[in-house]
Every structure is written in C-alpha cells, then in structure tokens.
C-alpha cells in the first residue's frame, strides 16, 4: 500500500511541466558579474587577467585615441603650428583600404557615444586630428543640397534628431522645442558627425577640424562658418556649434544614405 502511494506521488511530480530556467551560484568567482567602466563603458570581469588587459587597451584608445603611426603618401591638410606632431589628415572614397579600416575603427569608437550605423557612406570626407601618434578627433562631412536655419524660441530649446525625416516648421520633444524656417536654403557641406576623445576635449580640436572642413571641402572655395550645416545636434553639440558660428541660428539638415552621387554644389 505504501509503495502504491509513493508511485502515485512520484507520478504526479513527473507529469508536471518542467522548468529549464538556468540558475547561477555565486560562490566568489571573479566573472560572476561584469563590471562596467564609468568612463569608457567597457564591460569586463574584475580579476580576470585577459578581460582586464582588453579593457585597459580599449580604455586608453577611447580616452586618448586610436594609435596612428602615419601613412605613406597620406593626405595631410594642416600641420598645427606650435604643436609638434599634431596635424589633420583627410580620407575620401577611393583611398587605400588600410586608411578606411582605420576610419572604421574610429567610427566604432565614436559609436560608444554616437550612433555609428548611419555615420559613414561613400560620399563622406573624413577628417582625422592626429596628436602624439593617436587619432584625437574625427569629423565626418558630406555633400548636401539644402539646409534649414534654426530659429531660437525657448530657453529650454534643445536639438532633436532629424535623421530620416524632413525638417518640419516645428518639432517638439519632452526636453524642449526646436523651430526651423519653413523654406530651406542652398547648402554644400553637412557636418554629419564630430567627436573628440575625452582626454583631448577643450583643446580646440573640434574648431580646428571644422576649420579644415571649411577650407578644403569645396575645391578652391573656403566656406564661411555660418555656411556649415549640422545634423543631429545634441545639447552639448549645440553649444559647440553656437560658439563656433557665433550664432544660435545655425543651419541643420536631414541625413540620408545616398543611392547615387549627389550634385556638386561647391561649384555653384
């Protein structure tokens, strides 16, 4: 009788739907929880030698820049006066694969703070600021046809992402309002992205990159500061742009991936 009752009881347990949720036991192992670096955002296991080596390398590249030993026949645009070993180089479509691989590495690094999927296409010109044999800053510029001028309207005004949409007369979000003039204006150079490594910020690298783009983006034509258009300006980016252009009413534009070569408005 006892054996019969035990078999019935076991049968009820075995017939129940089983749960296969994976369980972890924390018994002091070093890799139980991943540590996230507050500066570079890299996640790794504390106490794990290989993980910590990888983090150390990534952290240095993120804060100081990706190593750059120079290129044979590299396109050097500008040597920084009074700053030995600092210059700006340009990379365009058709340059050697090694150059573009370095640009892709930099864009991936920029992706820790920006969205890297939309940052590059074949018509982009990429400006790299070199300092102490590292890429301290990067600017991605593209040819555009039209832009819209921001109209200052509110002390809480912030810039809203314009990617993939036409620039409306009025755009709102939870942080504030951005207004643009209804009619677009002709434009030639769009600043798709600009980024400087944390340890090199506030050293005028971003303005130097913008100057290089103004002077060289259009062959034989130097653009004025107010003629540059910017995509996706963040709150911090808006402060940079306003300071550089000396106006709160700067140009913004919508970003898109070109399916065909755009017209060259630099010749207009």
Protein backbone atom coordinates (compact mmCIF):
# COMPACT_ATOMS: atom_id res chain seq x y z
CA UNK A 1 0.00 0.00 0.00
CA UNK A 2 2.84 2.37 0.92
CA UNK A 3 4.66 1.60 -2.32
CA UNK A 4 1.48 2.33 -4.33
CA UNK A 5 1.05 5.71 -2.68
CA UNK A 6 4.71 6.60 -3.33
CA UNK A 7 4.41 5.66 -7.02
CA UNK A 8 1.27 7.78 -7.40
CA UNK A 9 3.01 10.72 -5.71
CA UNK A 10 6.08 10.43 -7.94
CA UNK A 11 3.86 10.16 -11.00
CA UNK A 12 2.19 13.47 -10.19
CA UNK A 13 5.59 15.15 -9.85
CA UNK A 14 6.98 13.69 -13.07
CA UNK A 15 3.91 14.66 -15.06
CA UNK A 16 4.21 18.33 -14.14
CA UNK A 17 5.62 20.70 -16.77
CA UNK A 18 9.31 21.13 -16.11
CA UNK A 19 11.06 24.49 -15.91
CA UNK A 20 14.52 24.73 -17.51
CA UNK A 21 15.47 28.22 -16.26
CA UNK A 22 19.24 28.42 -15.89
CA UNK A 23 20.45 29.11 -12.36
CA UNK A 24 23.81 30.57 -11.32
CA UNK A 25 25.52 30.11 -7.98
CA UNK A 26 27.66 32.98 -6.78
CA UNK A 27 30.48 31.34 -4.82
CA UNK A 28 33.09 34.05 -5.16
CA UNK A 29 34.08 33.52 -8.79
CA UNK A 30 35.61 36.63 -10.38
CA UNK A 31 33.47 36.62 -13.53
CA UNK A 32 30.05 36.27 -11.87
CA UNK A 33 29.12 39.91 -12.54
CA UNK A 34 30.56 42.11 -15.31
CA UNK A 35 31.96 45.43 -14.23
CA UNK A 36 31.13 48.44 -16.42
CA UNK A 37 33.78 51.15 -16.69
CA UNK A 38 32.23 54.52 -15.84
CA UNK A 39 34.47 56.32 -18.34
CA UNK A 40 34.63 54.17 -21.47
CA UNK A 41 31.57 51.97 -20.85
CA UNK A 42 33.51 48.75 -21.47
CA UNK A 43 32.14 45.71 -19.60
CA UNK A 44 34.59 43.16 -18.26
CA UNK A 45 35.22 40.71 -15.41
CA UNK A 46 37.13 42.13 -12.48
CA UNK A 47 40.03 39.91 -11.55
CA UNK A 48 40.05 38.19 -14.94
CA UNK A 49 43.53 38.85 -16.38
CA UNK A 50 42.58 38.65 -20.09
CA UNK A 51 39.45 40.76 -19.61
CA UNK A 52 41.33 43.43 -17.72
CA UNK A 53 44.03 43.59 -20.42
CA UNK A 54 41.39 44.06 -23.12
CA UNK A 55 39.68 46.75 -21.05
CA UNK A 56 42.96 48.56 -20.43
CA UNK A 57 43.69 48.72 -24.15
CA UNK A 58 40.15 49.82 -25.07
CA UNK A 59 40.12 52.41 -22.28
CA UNK A 60 43.35 54.01 -23.49
CA UNK A 61 42.16 54.05 -27.12
CA UNK A 62 38.86 55.59 -26.07
CA UNK A 63 40.29 58.29 -23.82
CA UNK A 64 43.43 59.17 -25.81
CA UNK A 65 42.68 57.95 -29.34
CA UNK A 66 43.36 55.01 -31.62
CA UNK A 67 47.09 54.55 -32.44
CA UNK A 68 48.19 56.17 -35.71
CA UNK A 69 51.73 55.69 -36.99
CA UNK A 70 51.23 57.56 -40.25
CA UNK A 71 50.56 56.59 -43.86
CA UNK A 72 52.81 56.66 -46.88
CA UNK A 73 51.60 59.46 -49.16
CA UNK A 74 48.95 60.37 -46.60
CA UNK A 75 46.84 63.43 -47.36
CA UNK A 76 48.00 65.89 -44.69
CA UNK A 77 45.87 69.04 -44.78
CA UNK A 78 47.21 71.04 -41.91
CA UNK A 79 50.18 70.96 -39.57
CA UNK A 80 49.32 72.53 -36.22
CA UNK A 81 51.64 75.49 -35.53
CA UNK A 82 53.23 75.44 -32.08
CA UNK A 83 52.05 71.83 -31.63
CA UNK A 84 54.74 69.36 -32.75
CA UNK A 85 53.35 66.08 -34.05
CA UNK A 86 49.81 67.36 -34.49
CA UNK A 87 48.12 67.53 -37.87
CA UNK A 88 44.87 66.85 -39.72
CA UNK A 89 44.65 64.18 -42.42
CA UNK A 90 41.83 63.58 -44.90
CA UNK A 91 40.36 60.27 -46.06
CA UNK A 92 37.99 60.06 -49.03
CA UNK A 93 36.39 57.35 -51.15
CA UNK A 94 38.98 55.50 -53.23
CA UNK A 95 41.79 55.80 -50.68
CA UNK A 96 43.69 52.61 -49.67
CA UNK A 97 41.72 50.00 -47.66
CA UNK A 98 44.10 50.40 -44.70
CA UNK A 99 43.09 54.05 -44.40
CA UNK A 100 39.39 53.20 -44.48
CA UNK A 101 39.88 50.42 -41.93
CA UNK A 102 41.39 52.97 -39.56
CA UNK A 103 38.40 55.25 -40.15
CA UNK A 104 36.00 52.37 -39.40
CA UNK A 105 37.87 51.66 -36.17
CA UNK A 106 37.46 55.30 -35.19
CA UNK A 107 33.77 55.32 -36.09
CA UNK A 108 33.21 52.25 -33.92
CA UNK A 109 34.92 54.08 -31.07
CA UNK A 110 32.70 57.10 -31.67
CA UNK A 111 29.73 54.74 -31.53
CA UNK A 112 30.15 54.48 -27.76
CA UNK A 113 28.62 57.97 -27.57
CA UNK A 114 27.07 58.41 -31.01
CA UNK A 115 25.11 56.05 -33.26
CA UNK A 116 27.67 54.60 -35.68
CA UNK A 117 25.37 52.77 -38.13
CA UNK A 118 24.48 55.94 -40.07
CA UNK A 119 27.79 57.76 -39.75
CA UNK A 120 29.55 56.81 -43.00
CA UNK A 121 28.79 56.42 -46.69
CA UNK A 122 30.87 56.56 -49.85
CA UNK A 123 30.47 60.30 -50.42
CA UNK A 124 31.76 61.29 -46.98
CA UNK A 125 35.04 63.09 -46.37
CA UNK A 126 36.64 62.12 -43.08
CA UNK A 127 38.98 64.49 -41.23
CA UNK A 128 41.23 62.94 -38.57
CA UNK A 129 43.07 65.02 -35.99
CA UNK A 130 46.39 63.37 -35.14
CA UNK A 131 48.14 64.08 -31.84
CA UNK A 132 51.01 62.13 -30.28
CA UNK A 133 50.58 59.35 -32.87
CA UNK A 134 46.92 58.86 -31.97
CA UNK A 135 43.62 59.93 -33.54
CA UNK A 136 42.39 62.51 -31.05
CA UNK A 137 39.36 63.68 -33.03
CA UNK A 138 37.27 62.89 -36.09
CA UNK A 139 34.90 64.87 -38.30
CA UNK A 140 32.68 63.31 -40.97
CA UNK A 141 31.42 65.70 -43.66
CA UNK A 142 29.15 65.07 -46.62
CA UNK A 143 27.86 66.98 -49.66
CA UNK A 144 24.31 68.26 -49.23
CA UNK A 145 21.92 70.39 -51.24
CA UNK A 146 19.57 72.06 -48.75
CA UNK A 147 19.56 73.02 -45.08
CA UNK A 148 17.24 74.74 -42.61
CA UNK A 149 18.02 77.58 -40.24
CA UNK A 150 17.16 77.20 -36.57
CA UNK A 151 15.05 79.97 -35.06
CA UNK A 152 15.71 80.49 -31.36
CA UNK A 153 12.43 80.40 -29.48
CA UNK A 154 12.79 79.00 -25.98
CA UNK A 155 15.38 78.88 -23.19
CA UNK A 156 14.67 75.14 -22.96
CA UNK A 157 15.32 74.64 -26.66
CA UNK A 158 17.29 71.53 -27.49
CA UNK A 159 18.21 69.86 -30.74
CA UNK A 160 16.18 66.92 -31.88
CA UNK A 161 17.34 64.08 -34.10
CA UNK A 162 16.46 64.84 -37.70
CA UNK A 163 17.63 61.58 -39.25
CA UNK A 164 15.25 60.02 -41.73
CA UNK A 165 12.64 62.76 -41.65
CA UNK A 166 12.03 66.01 -43.46
CA UNK A 167 12.69 69.12 -41.43
CA UNK A 168 9.35 70.47 -40.32
CA UNK A 169 8.44 74.01 -39.37
CA UNK A 170 8.07 72.90 -35.77
CA UNK A 171 9.46 69.89 -33.90
CA UNK A 172 8.77 69.13 -30.24
CA UNK A 173 10.01 66.63 -27.67
CA UNK A 174 9.92 66.22 -23.91
CA UNK A 175 13.03 68.38 -23.44
CA UNK A 176 12.01 71.45 -25.39
CA UNK A 177 11.28 72.87 -28.83
CA UNK A 178 13.30 73.39 -31.97
CA UNK A 179 11.99 75.66 -34.71
CA UNK A 180 13.27 75.89 -38.26
CA UNK A 181 12.42 78.27 -41.04
CA UNK A 182 9.84 76.83 -43.39
CA UNK A 183 11.87 77.38 -46.54
CA UNK A 184 15.21 75.62 -46.94
CA UNK A 185 18.35 77.36 -48.18
CA UNK A 186 21.10 76.11 -50.51
CA UNK A 187 23.97 74.40 -48.72
CA UNK A 188 27.08 72.47 -49.75
CA UNK A 189 28.75 70.97 -46.68
CA UNK A 190 26.99 68.98 -43.99
CA UNK A 191 28.79 68.00 -40.79
CA UNK A 192 27.46 64.51 -40.29
CA UNK A 193 29.39 63.81 -37.07
CA UNK A 194 32.19 65.29 -34.99
CA UNK A 195 33.84 63.70 -31.95
CA UNK A 196 36.91 64.27 -29.79
CA UNK A 197 38.42 61.79 -27.32
CA UNK A 198 37.67 62.66 -23.66
CA UNK A 199 41.27 63.46 -22.69
CA UNK A 200 41.60 65.89 -25.63
CA UNK A 201 38.42 67.89 -25.17
CA UNK A 202 38.57 71.64 -24.53
CA UNK A 203 41.82 71.81 -26.50
CA UNK A 204 40.23 73.48 -29.58
CA UNK A 205 40.45 70.28 -31.61
CA UNK A 206 36.83 70.46 -32.75
CA UNK A 207 37.21 74.04 -34.08
CA UNK A 208 40.41 73.01 -35.91
CA UNK A 209 38.53 70.14 -37.57
CA UNK A 210 35.69 72.48 -38.57
CA UNK A 211 38.20 74.96 -39.98
CA UNK A 212 39.79 72.21 -42.07
CA UNK A 213 36.40 71.19 -43.45
CA UNK A 214 35.51 74.80 -44.34
CA UNK A 215 38.81 75.34 -46.14
CA UNK A 216 39.07 72.07 -48.08
CA UNK A 217 35.62 70.52 -48.54
CA UNK A 218 34.95 72.54 -51.69
CA UNK A 219 37.94 72.71 -54.03
CA UNK A 220 39.09 76.30 -54.45
CA UNK A 221 36.37 77.70 -52.19
CA UNK A 222 36.52 78.48 -48.48
CA UNK A 223 33.16 78.35 -46.74
CA UNK A 224 32.13 80.75 -44.00
CA UNK A 225 31.43 79.38 -40.53
CA UNK A 226 27.72 80.14 -40.96
CA UNK A 227 27.62 78.13 -44.22
CA UNK A 228 28.24 74.80 -42.48
CA UNK A 229 25.15 72.73 -41.75
CA UNK A 230 24.93 70.23 -38.90
CA UNK A 231 22.99 67.03 -38.38
CA UNK A 232 21.60 65.75 -35.07
CA UNK A 233 22.97 68.45 -32.77
CA UNK A 234 22.86 67.32 -29.13
CA UNK A 235 22.69 69.80 -26.28
CA UNK A 236 26.49 69.73 -25.98
CA UNK A 237 26.88 69.87 -29.76
CA UNK A 238 24.55 72.86 -29.95
CA UNK A 239 26.79 74.77 -27.54
CA UNK A 240 29.84 73.97 -29.69
CA UNK A 241 28.09 74.99 -32.91
CA UNK A 242 26.71 78.23 -31.46
CA UNK A 243 30.14 79.20 -30.18
CA UNK A 244 31.86 78.30 -33.46
CA UNK A 245 29.35 80.03 -35.75
CA UNK A 246 28.77 82.95 -33.35
CA UNK A 247 25.02 82.49 -33.67
CA UNK A 248 22.18 80.47 -32.17
CA UNK A 249 20.51 80.45 -35.58
CA UNK A 250 22.75 77.95 -37.37
CA UNK A 251 21.94 75.53 -40.19
CA UNK A 252 20.66 71.98 -39.69
CA UNK A 253 19.91 69.32 -42.27
CA UNK A 254 18.46 65.84 -42.61
CA UNK A 255 20.83 62.90 -43.02
CA UNK A 256 20.38 60.08 -45.51
CA UNK A 257 22.45 57.46 -47.30
CA UNK A 258 22.94 58.44 -50.94
CA UNK A 259 21.93 55.90 -53.55
CA UNK A 260 23.64 57.93 -56.26
CA UNK A 261 26.28 60.60 -56.35
CA UNK A 262 24.90 63.99 -55.21
CA UNK A 263 25.33 67.11 -57.27
CA UNK A 264 28.42 69.15 -56.54
CA UNK A 265 27.10 72.39 -55.10
CA UNK A 266 30.61 73.57 -54.35
CA UNK A 267 30.77 74.61 -57.99
CA UNK A 268 27.54 76.58 -57.78
